[in-house]
Amino acid sequence: MHDIQAHLKSLPMSAQKVRLVVDLVRGKGANEALEMLRFVNKAAALPVRKLLASAVANAEENFGVSRDDLFVAQIFANEAPTRKWRRFGARGRFKPILRRNSHVTVVLRERGAAAS
């Protein structure tokens, strides 16, 4: 049994927004998850779909696993380092601007291997 992993580092989107998309595909079959992400109306859906497609390609190419047997065992979005800006405001103050990033990880497993 292999755990096939793919990582997406420093996605320029907050982890909170990415988690809304990630929670939809957890536990689904790989083909079903890819198809579902095509129609999700969120900005995070495209990078998550590309990451999932990459993980499926890794499984097929490196481990010889059929994409029909794969399912999303784990998928999660963690916070990445935040870029911080300053915008100057009235009366000598400044307003902080936080550009939040996230790291996304997906782990695929074979459906037959999970049962045994």
N, C-alpha and C. Protein backbone atom coordinates (compact mmCIF):
# COMPACT_ATOMS: atom_id res chain seq x y z
N MET A 1 0.84 -1.18 0.00
CA MET A 1 0.00 0.00 0.00
C MET A 1 0.88 1.24 0.00
N HIS A 2 0.63 2.12 -0.94
CA HIS A 2 1.41 3.35 -1.05
C HIS A 2 0.53 4.54 -0.72
N ASP A 3 1.12 5.49 -0.01
CA ASP A 3 0.49 6.79 0.14
C ASP A 3 1.12 7.70 -0.90
N ILE A 4 0.32 8.17 -1.83
CA ILE A 4 0.81 9.06 -2.87
C ILE A 4 0.53 10.47 -2.44
N GLN A 5 1.59 11.29 -2.34
CA GLN A 5 1.45 12.64 -1.83
C GLN A 5 1.79 13.67 -2.90
N ALA A 6 1.18 14.82 -2.77
CA ALA A 6 1.56 15.99 -3.57
C ALA A 6 1.39 17.21 -2.67
N HIS A 7 2.29 18.16 -2.83
CA HIS A 7 2.29 19.36 -1.99
C HIS A 7 2.20 20.60 -2.88
N LEU A 8 1.50 21.58 -2.39
CA LEU A 8 1.44 22.89 -3.04
C LEU A 8 1.89 23.90 -2.01
N LYS A 9 3.02 24.53 -2.26
CA LYS A 9 3.60 25.46 -1.28
C LYS A 9 3.30 26.91 -1.67
N SER A 10 3.02 27.71 -0.68
CA SER A 10 2.85 29.16 -0.82
C SER A 10 1.80 29.55 -1.84
N LEU A 11 0.62 28.96 -1.74
CA LEU A 11 -0.51 29.38 -2.55
C LEU A 11 -0.95 30.75 -2.04
N PRO A 12 -1.02 31.77 -2.90
CA PRO A 12 -1.33 33.13 -2.41
C PRO A 12 -2.81 33.32 -2.12
N MET A 13 -3.29 32.58 -1.13
CA MET A 13 -4.70 32.61 -0.73
C MET A 13 -4.75 32.14 0.72
N SER A 14 -5.64 32.68 1.49
CA SER A 14 -5.67 32.31 2.90
C SER A 14 -6.12 30.86 3.07
N ALA A 15 -5.59 30.22 4.09
CA ALA A 15 -5.91 28.81 4.35
C ALA A 15 -7.40 28.65 4.65
N GLN A 16 -8.00 29.66 5.24
CA GLN A 16 -9.43 29.61 5.55
C GLN A 16 -10.26 29.47 4.28
N LYS A 17 -9.90 30.19 3.23
CA LYS A 17 -10.63 30.11 1.97
C LYS A 17 -10.37 28.78 1.25
N VAL A 18 -9.14 28.29 1.34
CA VAL A 18 -8.79 27.03 0.68
C VAL A 18 -9.51 25.87 1.37
N ARG A 19 -9.65 25.93 2.68
CA ARG A 19 -10.31 24.84 3.42
C ARG A 19 -11.76 24.65 2.99
N LEU A 20 -12.42 25.70 2.55
CA LEU A 20 -13.80 25.58 2.07
C LEU A 20 -13.87 24.63 0.88
N VAL A 21 -12.87 24.68 0.01
CA VAL A 21 -12.84 23.82 -1.18
C VAL A 21 -12.33 22.43 -0.82
N VAL A 22 -11.28 22.39 0.01
CA VAL A 22 -10.64 21.13 0.38
C VAL A 22 -11.61 20.20 1.10
N ASP A 23 -12.47 20.76 1.93
CA ASP A 23 -13.42 19.95 2.70
C ASP A 23 -14.43 19.24 1.80
N LEU A 24 -14.65 19.77 0.60
CA LEU A 24 -15.63 19.16 -0.31
C LEU A 24 -15.16 17.82 -0.87
N VAL A 25 -13.84 17.66 -1.08
CA VAL A 25 -13.34 16.48 -1.78
C VAL A 25 -12.74 15.42 -0.86
N ARG A 26 -12.63 15.69 0.43
CA ARG A 26 -12.02 14.71 1.34
C ARG A 26 -12.84 13.44 1.37
N GLY A 27 -12.19 12.29 1.15
CA GLY A 27 -12.86 10.99 1.20
C GLY A 27 -13.49 10.56 -0.12
N LYS A 28 -13.49 11.42 -1.13
CA LYS A 28 -14.09 11.07 -2.41
C LYS A 28 -13.09 10.31 -3.28
N GLY A 29 -13.60 9.66 -4.31
CA GLY A 29 -12.74 9.03 -5.30
C GLY A 29 -12.00 10.10 -6.10
N ALA A 30 -10.84 9.75 -6.64
CA ALA A 30 -10.01 10.74 -7.32
C ALA A 30 -10.72 11.32 -8.54
N ASN A 31 -11.33 10.46 -9.36
CA ASN A 31 -12.04 10.95 -10.56
C ASN A 31 -13.22 11.84 -10.18
N GLU A 32 -13.97 11.40 -9.17
CA GLU A 32 -15.13 12.17 -8.71
C GLU A 32 -14.71 13.54 -8.17
N ALA A 33 -13.60 13.56 -7.42
CA ALA A 33 -13.10 14.82 -6.85
C ALA A 33 -12.65 15.77 -7.94
N LEU A 34 -11.93 15.26 -8.95
CA LEU A 34 -11.48 16.12 -10.05
C LEU A 34 -12.67 16.70 -10.80
N GLU A 35 -13.69 15.87 -11.04
CA GLU A 35 -14.87 16.33 -11.76
C GLU A 35 -15.63 17.37 -10.93
N MET A 36 -15.72 17.15 -9.63
CA MET A 36 -16.43 18.08 -8.75
C MET A 36 -15.75 19.44 -8.73
N LEU A 37 -14.42 19.44 -8.69
CA LEU A 37 -13.67 20.69 -8.59
C LEU A 37 -13.78 21.53 -9.87
N ARG A 38 -14.12 20.90 -10.99
CA ARG A 38 -14.30 21.67 -12.23
C ARG A 38 -15.46 22.65 -12.11
N PHE A 39 -16.44 22.35 -11.27
CA PHE A 39 -17.65 23.14 -11.23
C PHE A 39 -17.83 23.92 -9.93
N VAL A 40 -16.84 23.88 -9.05
CA VAL A 40 -16.93 24.65 -7.81
C VAL A 40 -16.60 26.10 -8.12
N ASN A 41 -17.45 27.00 -7.69
CA ASN A 41 -17.31 28.41 -8.02
C ASN A 41 -16.51 29.14 -6.93
N LYS A 42 -15.27 28.73 -6.73
CA LYS A 42 -14.37 29.36 -5.77
C LYS A 42 -13.01 29.51 -6.44
N ALA A 43 -12.28 30.55 -6.08
CA ALA A 43 -10.97 30.78 -6.68
C ALA A 43 -9.98 29.68 -6.32
N ALA A 44 -10.13 29.08 -5.15
CA ALA A 44 -9.20 28.05 -4.69
C ALA A 44 -9.40 26.72 -5.42
N ALA A 45 -10.51 26.56 -6.14
CA ALA A 45 -10.81 25.28 -6.78
C ALA A 45 -9.79 24.93 -7.86
N LEU A 46 -9.34 25.91 -8.64
CA LEU A 46 -8.39 25.63 -9.73
C LEU A 46 -7.05 25.12 -9.22
N PRO A 47 -6.37 25.82 -8.27
CA PRO A 47 -5.10 25.28 -7.79
C PRO A 47 -5.24 23.94 -7.08
N VAL A 48 -6.34 23.74 -6.34
CA VAL A 48 -6.54 22.45 -5.66
C VAL A 48 -6.76 21.34 -6.69
N ARG A 49 -7.48 21.66 -7.77
CA ARG A 49 -7.71 20.67 -8.83
C ARG A 49 -6.40 20.30 -9.52
N LYS A 50 -5.55 21.29 -9.78
CA LYS A 50 -4.26 21.02 -10.41
C LYS A 50 -3.38 20.16 -9.50
N LEU A 51 -3.42 20.44 -8.20
CA LEU A 51 -2.66 19.65 -7.24
C LEU A 51 -3.14 18.20 -7.22
N LEU A 52 -4.46 18.02 -7.21
CA LEU A 52 -5.03 16.68 -7.20
C LEU A 52 -4.69 15.93 -8.49
N ALA A 53 -4.75 16.61 -9.62
CA ALA A 53 -4.38 16.00 -10.90
C ALA A 53 -2.92 15.59 -10.90
N SER A 54 -2.07 16.39 -10.28
CA SER A 54 -0.65 16.07 -10.18
C SER A 54 -0.44 14.82 -9.32
N ALA A 55 -1.18 14.72 -8.21
CA ALA A 55 -1.07 13.55 -7.34
C ALA A 55 -1.52 12.29 -8.07
N VAL A 56 -2.60 12.39 -8.86
CA VAL A 56 -3.10 11.24 -9.63
C VAL A 56 -2.06 10.83 -10.67
N ALA A 57 -1.44 11.81 -11.34
CA ALA A 57 -0.40 11.53 -12.33
C ALA A 57 0.82 10.87 -11.67
N ASN A 58 1.17 11.32 -10.46
CA ASN A 58 2.27 10.69 -9.71
C ASN A 58 1.96 9.22 -9.44
N ALA A 59 0.74 8.95 -9.04
CA ALA A 59 0.34 7.57 -8.72
C ALA A 59 0.43 6.68 -9.95
N GLU A 60 -0.07 7.18 -11.08
CA GLU A 60 -0.06 6.39 -12.31
C GLU A 60 1.36 6.16 -12.82
N GLU A 61 2.16 7.22 -12.80
CA GLU A 61 3.49 7.16 -13.41
C GLU A 61 4.50 6.44 -12.52
N ASN A 62 4.51 6.76 -11.24
CA ASN A 62 5.55 6.25 -10.34
C ASN A 62 5.20 4.93 -9.68
N PHE A 63 3.91 4.68 -9.44
CA PHE A 63 3.51 3.49 -8.71
C PHE A 63 2.67 2.53 -9.54
N GLY A 64 2.27 2.93 -10.75
CA GLY A 64 1.49 2.06 -11.62
C GLY A 64 0.09 1.77 -11.10
N VAL A 65 -0.50 2.71 -10.39
CA VAL A 65 -1.83 2.54 -9.82
C VAL A 65 -2.86 3.14 -10.76
N SER A 66 -3.97 2.46 -10.95
CA SER A 66 -5.04 2.98 -11.80
C SER A 66 -5.75 4.13 -11.09
N ARG A 67 -6.12 5.16 -11.85
CA ARG A 67 -6.78 6.31 -11.25
C ARG A 67 -8.17 5.97 -10.74
N ASP A 68 -8.77 4.88 -11.25
CA ASP A 68 -10.11 4.48 -10.79
C ASP A 68 -10.07 3.91 -9.37
N ASP A 69 -8.91 3.40 -8.94
CA ASP A 69 -8.79 2.78 -7.62
C ASP A 69 -8.41 3.78 -6.53
N LEU A 70 -8.10 5.02 -6.91
CA LEU A 70 -7.60 6.00 -5.94
C LEU A 70 -8.73 6.77 -5.27
N PHE A 71 -8.49 7.13 -4.01
CA PHE A 71 -9.40 8.04 -3.32
C PHE A 71 -8.58 9.01 -2.47
N VAL A 72 -9.19 10.12 -2.11
CA VAL A 72 -8.51 11.17 -1.35
C VAL A 72 -8.55 10.78 0.13
N ALA A 73 -7.45 10.22 0.63
CA ALA A 73 -7.40 9.78 2.02
C ALA A 73 -7.29 10.98 2.95
N GLN A 74 -6.41 11.91 2.62
CA GLN A 74 -6.22 13.11 3.43
C GLN A 74 -6.01 14.29 2.49
N ILE A 75 -6.53 15.42 2.87
CA ILE A 75 -6.23 16.67 2.17
C ILE A 75 -6.43 17.79 3.18
N PHE A 76 -5.44 18.67 3.27
CA PHE A 76 -5.54 19.74 4.25
C PHE A 76 -4.76 20.96 3.79
N ALA A 77 -5.17 22.10 4.32
CA ALA A 77 -4.53 23.38 4.01
C ALA A 77 -4.04 24.00 5.31
N ASN A 78 -2.75 24.30 5.36
CA ASN A 78 -2.15 24.94 6.53
C ASN A 78 -1.72 26.35 6.17
N GLU A 79 -1.53 27.17 7.20
CA GLU A 79 -1.08 28.53 6.95
C GLU A 79 0.39 28.54 6.59
N ALA A 80 0.74 29.40 5.65
CA ALA A 80 2.12 29.62 5.25
C ALA A 80 2.54 30.99 5.80
N PRO A 81 3.81 31.35 5.67
CA PRO A 81 4.23 32.66 6.17
C PRO A 81 3.43 33.79 5.52
N THR A 82 3.06 34.77 6.32
CA THR A 82 2.25 35.90 5.87
C THR A 82 3.17 37.06 5.47
N ARG A 83 2.94 37.62 4.29
CA ARG A 83 3.67 38.81 3.86
C ARG A 83 2.97 40.03 4.46
N LYS A 84 3.76 40.95 5.01
CA LYS A 84 3.17 42.09 5.71
C LYS A 84 3.55 43.39 5.01
N TRP A 85 2.54 44.21 4.77
CA TRP A 85 2.71 45.50 4.14
C TRP A 85 2.27 46.58 5.11
N ARG A 86 2.67 47.84 4.79
CA ARG A 86 2.15 48.99 5.53
C ARG A 86 1.52 49.94 4.54
N ARG A 87 0.36 50.44 4.89
CA ARG A 87 -0.24 51.52 4.12
C ARG A 87 -0.44 52.67 5.10
N PHE A 88 0.04 53.82 4.72
CA PHE A 88 -0.01 54.96 5.65
C PHE A 88 -1.39 55.58 5.63
N GLY A 89 -1.88 55.88 6.82
CA GLY A 89 -3.22 56.43 6.97
C GLY A 89 -3.18 57.85 7.49
N ALA A 90 -4.31 58.32 7.87
CA ALA A 90 -4.43 59.69 8.34
C ALA A 90 -3.77 59.88 9.70
N ARG A 91 -3.36 61.09 10.00
CA ARG A 91 -2.79 61.49 11.28
C ARG A 91 -1.56 60.68 11.68
N GLY A 92 -0.74 60.34 10.70
CA GLY A 92 0.53 59.67 11.00
C GLY A 92 0.43 58.22 11.37
N ARG A 93 -0.73 57.64 11.21
CA ARG A 93 -0.88 56.21 11.53
C ARG A 93 -0.55 55.39 10.30
N PHE A 94 -0.40 54.09 10.52
CA PHE A 94 -0.33 53.22 9.34
C PHE A 94 -1.18 52.00 9.55
N LYS A 95 -1.69 51.51 8.45
CA LYS A 95 -2.62 50.38 8.44
C LYS A 95 -1.87 49.14 7.95
N PRO A 96 -1.80 48.09 8.74
CA PRO A 96 -1.13 46.88 8.27
C PRO A 96 -1.98 46.15 7.23
N ILE A 97 -1.31 45.61 6.22
CA ILE A 97 -1.97 44.77 5.22
C ILE A 97 -1.31 43.40 5.30
N LEU A 98 -2.09 42.36 5.52
CA LEU A 98 -1.57 41.01 5.65
C LEU A 98 -1.92 40.21 4.41
N ARG A 99 -0.90 39.75 3.68
CA ARG A 99 -1.11 38.89 2.52
C ARG A 99 -0.93 37.46 2.99
N ARG A 100 -2.02 36.77 3.19
CA ARG A 100 -1.94 35.42 3.74
C ARG A 100 -1.70 34.40 2.63
N ASN A 101 -0.90 33.39 2.95
CA ASN A 101 -0.59 32.30 2.03
C ASN A 101 -0.95 30.99 2.69
N SER A 102 -0.95 29.91 1.90
CA SER A 102 -1.25 28.61 2.48
C SER A 102 -0.46 27.51 1.78
N HIS A 103 -0.24 26.43 2.51
CA HIS A 103 0.37 25.21 1.98
C HIS A 103 -0.74 24.16 1.94
N VAL A 104 -0.88 23.48 0.80
CA VAL A 104 -1.90 22.45 0.65
C VAL A 104 -1.21 21.11 0.42
N THR A 105 -1.68 20.07 1.10
CA THR A 105 -1.14 18.73 0.95
C THR A 105 -2.28 17.76 0.67
N VAL A 106 -2.07 16.86 -0.30
CA VAL A 106 -3.06 15.83 -0.61
C VAL A 106 -2.39 14.46 -0.52
N VAL A 107 -3.07 13.50 0.07
CA VAL A 107 -2.59 12.12 0.19
C VAL A 107 -3.64 11.21 -0.44
N LEU A 108 -3.23 10.45 -1.45
CA LEU A 108 -4.11 9.50 -2.12
C LEU A 108 -3.76 8.09 -1.70
N ARG A 109 -4.77 7.22 -1.65
CA ARG A 109 -4.56 5.79 -1.36
C ARG A 109 -5.35 4.95 -2.34
N GLU A 110 -4.92 3.70 -2.47
CA GLU A 110 -5.69 2.75 -3.27
C GLU A 110 -6.89 2.28 -2.48
N ARG A 111 -8.02 2.15 -3.15
CA ARG A 111 -9.24 1.73 -2.44
C ARG A 111 -9.14 0.28 -1.97
N GLY A 112 -8.58 -0.61 -2.78
CA GLY A 112 -8.44 -2.01 -2.40
C GLY A 112 -7.50 -2.20 -1.22
N ALA A 113 -6.43 -1.40 -1.18
CA ALA A 113 -5.44 -1.52 -0.12
C ALA A 113 -5.98 -1.01 1.22
N ALA A 114 -6.92 -0.08 1.18
CA ALA A 114 -7.48 0.47 2.43
C ALA A 114 -8.37 -0.56 3.13
N ALA A 115 -8.97 -1.47 2.36
CA ALA A 115 -9.86 -2.46 2.94
C ALA A 115 -9.12 -3.57 3.67
N SER A 116 -7.90 -3.87 3.21
CA SER A 116 -7.15 -4.98 3.82
C SER A 116 -6.32 -4.56 5.00
